[in-house]
C-alpha atoms as a PDB file:
ATOM      1  CA  MET A   1       5.556  20.824 -15.116  1.00  0.00           C
ATOM      2  CA  THR A   2       6.311  16.971 -15.685  1.00  0.00           C
ATOM      3  CA  TYR A   3       4.599  14.084 -14.359  1.00  0.00           C
ATOM      4  CA  THR A   4       6.038  10.661 -13.758  1.00  0.00           C
ATOM      5  CA  ASP A   5       4.101   7.392 -12.862  1.00  0.00           C
ATOM      6  CA  GLN A   6       4.697   5.685  -9.528  1.00  0.00           C
ATOM      7  CA  ASN A   7       8.232   4.558  -8.605  1.00  0.00           C
ATOM      8  CA  SER A   8       8.811   1.290  -7.193  1.00  0.00           C
ATOM      9  CA  ALA A   9       7.960   2.462  -3.616  1.00  0.00           C
ATOM     10  CA  GLY A  10       4.649   3.494  -4.876  1.00  0.00           C
ATOM     11  CA  ALA A  11       5.493   7.432  -4.694  1.00  0.00           C
ATOM     12  CA  MET A  12       4.829   9.670  -7.543  1.00  0.00           C
ATOM     13  CA  LYS A  13       7.431  12.114  -8.776  1.00  0.00           C
ATOM     14  CA  ILE A  14       6.123  15.528  -9.921  1.00  0.00           C
ATOM     15  CA  SER A  15       8.305  18.271 -11.076  1.00  0.00           C
ATOM     16  CA  PHE A  16       7.585  21.730 -11.765  1.00  0.00           C
ATOM     17  CA  TYR A  17      10.951  22.490 -13.539  1.00  0.00           C
ATOM     18  CA  PRO A  18      13.454  20.109 -14.837  1.00  0.00           C
ATOM     19  CA  GLY A  19      15.739  18.991 -11.916  1.00  0.00           C
ATOM     20  CA  MET A  20      13.244  20.338  -9.249  1.00  0.00           C
ATOM     21  CA  GLN A  21      10.979  18.278  -7.361  1.00  0.00           C
ATOM     22  CA  ILE A  22       8.158  19.470  -5.478  1.00  0.00           C
ATOM     23  CA  SER A  23       9.817  18.591  -2.205  1.00  0.00           C
ATOM     24  CA  ASP A  24      12.700  21.102  -3.183  1.00  0.00           C
ATOM     25  CA  THR A  25      10.175  23.961  -3.130  1.00  0.00           C
ATOM     26  CA  ALA A  26       9.077  24.397   0.349  1.00  0.00           C
ATOM     27  CA  VAL A  27      10.405  24.115   3.948  1.00  0.00           C
ATOM     28  CA  GLY A  28       8.432  23.381   7.223  1.00  0.00           C
ATOM     29  CA  GLU A  29       5.577  21.139   8.046  1.00  0.00           C
ATOM     30  CA  GLU A  30       2.957  23.591   6.635  1.00  0.00           C
ATOM     31  CA  SER A  31       4.564  23.693   3.623  1.00  0.00           C
ATOM     32  CA  ASN A  32       5.027  19.957   3.517  1.00  0.00           C
ATOM     33  CA  GLU A  33       1.241  19.653   3.961  1.00  0.00           C
ATOM     34  CA  LEU A  34       0.614  21.734   1.029  1.00  0.00           C
ATOM     35  CA  SER A  35       3.016  19.945  -1.074  1.00  0.00           C
ATOM     36  CA  ARG A  36       1.272  16.569  -0.286  1.00  0.00           C
ATOM     37  CA  ALA A  37      -2.024  18.116  -0.928  1.00  0.00           C
ATOM     38  CA  TYR A  38      -0.881  19.366  -4.201  1.00  0.00           C
ATOM     39  CA  GLU A  39       0.662  15.980  -5.295  1.00  0.00           C
ATOM     40  CA  ALA A  40      -2.638  14.203  -4.433  1.00  0.00           C
ATOM     41  CA  PHE A  41      -4.317  16.958  -6.793  1.00  0.00           C
ATOM     42  CA  VAL A  42      -2.085  16.199  -9.366  1.00  0.00           C
ATOM     43  CA  ARG A  43      -2.076  12.302  -9.158  1.00  0.00           C
ATOM     44  CA  ASP A  44      -6.033  12.248  -8.984  1.00  0.00           C
ATOM     45  CA  PHE A  45      -5.975  14.557 -12.192  1.00  0.00           C
ATOM     46  CA  PHE A  46      -3.935  12.364 -14.035  1.00  0.00           C
ATOM     47  CA  VAL A  47      -5.453   8.949 -12.880  1.00  0.00           C
ATOM     48  CA  PRO A  48      -8.951   9.657 -11.877  1.00  0.00           C
ATOM     49  CA  ILE A  49     -10.463   7.263  -9.485  1.00  0.00           C
ATOM     50  CA  SER A  50     -13.212   6.232 -12.031  1.00  0.00           C
ATOM     51  CA  ARG A  51     -10.509   4.363 -13.968  1.00  0.00           C
ATOM     52  CA  GLU A  52      -9.469   2.258 -10.678  1.00  0.00           C
ATOM     53  CA  SER A  53     -12.298  -0.177 -11.400  1.00  0.00           C
ATOM     54  CA  LEU A  54     -10.497  -1.110 -14.593  1.00  0.00           C
ATOM     55  CA  PHE A  55      -7.272  -1.341 -13.045  1.00  0.00           C
ATOM     56  CA  PRO A  56      -7.597  -2.890  -9.349  1.00  0.00           C
ATOM     57  CA  ALA A  57      -3.766  -2.563  -8.966  1.00  0.00           C
ATOM     58  CA  MET A  58      -4.040   1.176  -9.112  1.00  0.00           C
ATOM     59  CA  LYS A  59      -6.739   1.440  -6.458  1.00  0.00           C
ATOM     60  CA  PHE A  60      -4.822  -1.065  -4.230  1.00  0.00           C
ATOM     61  CA  TYR A  61      -1.429   1.034  -4.460  1.00  0.00           C
ATOM     62  CA  ARG A  62      -3.512   4.190  -3.782  1.00  0.00           C
ATOM     63  CA  LEU A  63      -4.973   2.764  -0.855  1.00  0.00           C
ATOM     64  CA  LYS A  64      -1.834   0.959   0.293  1.00  0.00           C
ATOM     65  CA  SER A  65       0.045   4.505   0.054  1.00  0.00           C
ATOM     66  CA  GLN A  66      -2.669   6.334   1.899  1.00  0.00           C
ATOM     67  CA  TRP A  67      -2.842   3.558   4.635  1.00  0.00           C
ATOM     68  CA  GLU A  68       0.955   3.570   5.178  1.00  0.00           C
ATOM     69  CA  ALA A  69       1.069   7.375   5.490  1.00  0.00           C
ATOM     70  CA  GLU A  70      -1.651   7.520   7.796  1.00  0.00           C
ATOM     71  CA  THR A  71      -0.771   4.683  10.118  1.00  0.00           C
ATOM     72  CA  ALA A  72       3.089   5.183  10.192  1.00  0.00           C
ATOM     73  CA  PHE A  73       3.129   6.490  13.641  1.00  0.00           C
ATOM     74  CA  LEU A  74       0.394   4.161  15.176  1.00  0.00           C
ATOM     75  CA  SER A  75       1.612   1.519  17.645  1.00  0.00           C
ATOM     76  CA  SER A  76      -1.864  -0.192  17.958  1.00  0.00           C
ATOM     77  CA  LEU A  77      -2.289  -3.269  15.586  1.00  0.00           C
ATOM     78  CA  SER A  78      -6.129  -2.945  15.856  1.00  0.00           C
ATOM     79  CA  ASP A  79      -5.972   0.668  14.879  1.00  0.00           C
ATOM     80  CA  ILE A  80      -3.645  -0.020  11.863  1.00  0.00           C
ATOM     81  CA  ALA A  81      -5.975  -2.840  10.524  1.00  0.00           C
ATOM     82  CA  MET A  82      -8.956  -0.846  10.969  1.00  0.00           C
ATOM     83  CA  HIS A  83      -7.946   2.145   9.119  1.00  0.00           C
ATOM     84  CA  PRO A  84     -10.439   2.841   6.465  1.00  0.00           C
ATOM     85  CA  ALA A  85      -7.914   2.215   3.667  1.00  0.00           C
ATOM     86  CA  TYR A  86      -6.734  -0.832   4.761  1.00  0.00           C
ATOM     87  CA  GLN A  87     -10.577  -2.089   5.367  1.00  0.00           C
ATOM     88  CA  GLN A  88     -11.110  -1.001   1.642  1.00  0.00           C
ATOM     89  CA  ILE A  89      -8.169  -3.150   0.494  1.00  0.00           C
ATOM     90  CA  ILE A  90      -9.810  -6.146   2.272  1.00  0.00           C
ATOM     91  CA  GLY A  91     -13.211  -5.063   0.584  1.00  0.00           C
ATOM     92  CA  MET A  92     -11.619  -5.492  -2.812  1.00  0.00           C
ATOM     93  CA  GLY A  93     -11.605  -9.210  -2.366  1.00  0.00           C
ATOM     94  CA  PRO A  94      -9.463 -12.016  -3.779  1.00  0.00           C
ATOM     95  CA  VAL A  95      -8.031  -9.684  -6.689  1.00  0.00           C
ATOM     96  CA  VAL A  96      -5.638  -8.185  -4.231  1.00  0.00           C
ATOM     97  CA  ILE A  97      -4.405 -11.399  -2.724  1.00  0.00           C
ATOM     98  CA  PRO A  98      -1.167 -11.332  -5.387  1.00  0.00           C
ATOM     99  CA  LEU A  99      -0.628  -7.904  -4.753  1.00  0.00           C
ATOM    100  CA  ILE A 100      -0.497  -8.256  -1.144  1.00  0.00           C
ATOM    101  CA  LEU A 101       1.862 -11.268  -1.337  1.00  0.00           C
ATOM    102  CA  ARG A 102       3.987  -9.531  -3.678  1.00  0.00           C
ATOM    103  CA  GLU A 103       4.413  -6.590  -1.284  1.00  0.00           C
ATOM    104  CA  MET A 104       5.128  -9.111   1.514  1.00  0.00           C
ATOM    105  CA  LYS A 105       7.678 -10.590  -0.715  1.00  0.00           C
ATOM    106  CA  LYS A 106       9.593  -7.305  -1.014  1.00  0.00           C
ATOM    107  CA  GLU A 107       9.259  -6.067   2.652  1.00  0.00           C
ATOM    108  CA  PRO A 108       7.262  -7.815   5.524  1.00  0.00           C
ATOM    109  CA  GLY A 109       4.157  -5.940   6.790  1.00  0.00           C
ATOM    110  CA  HIS A 110       1.007  -6.051   8.610  1.00  0.00           C
ATOM    111  CA  TRP A 111      -0.883  -7.733   5.875  1.00  0.00           C
ATOM    112  CA  PHE A 112      -1.803 -10.785   7.940  1.00  0.00           C
ATOM    113  CA  TRP A 113      -5.178  -9.601   9.034  1.00  0.00           C
ATOM    114  CA  ALA A 114      -6.126  -8.601   5.475  1.00  0.00           C
ATOM    115  CA  LEU A 115      -5.068 -11.948   4.008  1.00  0.00           C
ATOM    116  CA  LYS A 116      -6.964 -14.024   6.629  1.00  0.00           C
ATOM    117  CA  SER A 117      -9.868 -11.804   6.272  1.00  0.00           C
ATOM    118  CA  ILE A 118     -10.120 -12.261   2.419  1.00  0.00           C
ATOM    119  CA  THR A 119      -9.150 -15.772   2.171  1.00  0.00           C
ATOM    120  CA  GLY A 120     -10.564 -17.502   5.385  1.00  0.00           C
ATOM    121  CA  ASP A 121      -7.222 -19.213   5.611  1.00  0.00           C
ATOM    122  CA  ASP A 122      -4.465 -18.992   8.285  1.00  0.00           C
ATOM    123  CA  PRO A 123      -1.101 -20.900   7.466  1.00  0.00           C
ATOM    124  CA  VAL A 124       0.652 -19.341  10.511  1.00  0.00           C
ATOM    125  CA  PRO A 125       1.257 -22.131  13.023  1.00  0.00           C
ATOM    126  CA  PRO A 126       0.918 -21.014  16.693  1.00  0.00           C
ATOM    127  CA  ALA A 127       4.675 -21.320  17.105  1.00  0.00           C
ATOM    128  CA  HIS A 128       5.174 -18.553  14.498  1.00  0.00           C
ATOM    129  CA  ARG A 129       2.723 -15.815  15.968  1.00  0.00           C
ATOM    130  CA  GLY A 130       4.276 -12.713  16.747  1.00  0.00           C
ATOM    131  CA  LYS A 131       7.114 -13.540  14.647  1.00  0.00           C
ATOM    132  CA  MET A 132       6.819 -11.382  11.419  1.00  0.00           C
ATOM    133  CA  LYS A 133       9.456 -12.857   9.278  1.00  0.00           C
ATOM    134  CA  ALA A 134       8.148 -16.504   9.875  1.00  0.00           C
ATOM    135  CA  MET A 135       4.598 -15.379   9.544  1.00  0.00           C
ATOM    136  CA  THR A 136       5.469 -13.573   6.136  1.00  0.00           C
ATOM    137  CA  GLU A 137       7.237 -16.772   4.940  1.00  0.00           C
ATOM    138  CA  ASP A 138       4.359 -18.919   5.973  1.00  0.00           C
ATOM    139  CA  TRP A 139       1.896 -16.582   3.872  1.00  0.00           C
ATOM    140  CA  LEU A 140       4.362 -16.596   0.954  1.00  0.00           C
ATOM    141  CA  ILE A 141       4.613 -20.509   0.874  1.00  0.00           C
ATOM    142  CA  TRP A 142       0.736 -20.526   1.319  1.00  0.00           C
ATOM    143  CA  GLY A 143       0.683 -18.060  -1.905  1.00  0.00           C
ATOM    144  CA  ARG A 144       2.838 -20.428  -3.800  1.00  0.00           C
ATOM    145  CA  LYS A 145       0.860 -23.489  -3.240  1.00  0.00           C
ATOM    146  CA  GLN A 146      -2.244 -21.642  -4.057  1.00  0.00           C
ATOM    147  CA  GLY A 147      -0.818 -20.386  -7.206  1.00  0.00           C
ATOM    148  CA  TYR A 148      -0.899 -16.576  -6.435  1.00  0.00           C
ATOM    149  CA  ILE A 149       2.852 -15.995  -6.704  1.00  0.00           C
ATOM    150  CA  HIS A 150       5.863 -17.998  -8.052  1.00  0.00           C
END
């Protein structure tokens, strides 16, 4: 069995045998659920939660992955923003601002509520409300001015 750290998408790659990934070993939703549970077990074994206090980025990306996986099919923005993992990200405070902004730089997402809650700011003018691309750019400009990103 081999273990590879997170890839650029935040997902882990775990292989039982060379050239064989866990997703290659099962078929069907029940098997996929078992595979996901096993992947979580292996991830937690190799990166215990107790180390997350030393590396806030590890906690952020774990919570982000959980939040994205569990809200992927939700349409209600309030349900997405009230998800426990999202709320824990907000609770991490200012340390996650550069991480959120870097994620927004890669791909726009529903980070506006978190940023507004953490910073107390809202750089989005009324004309940009509801326009994901424009809102993202407003926050990225704000992040550059505040020195969180370059």
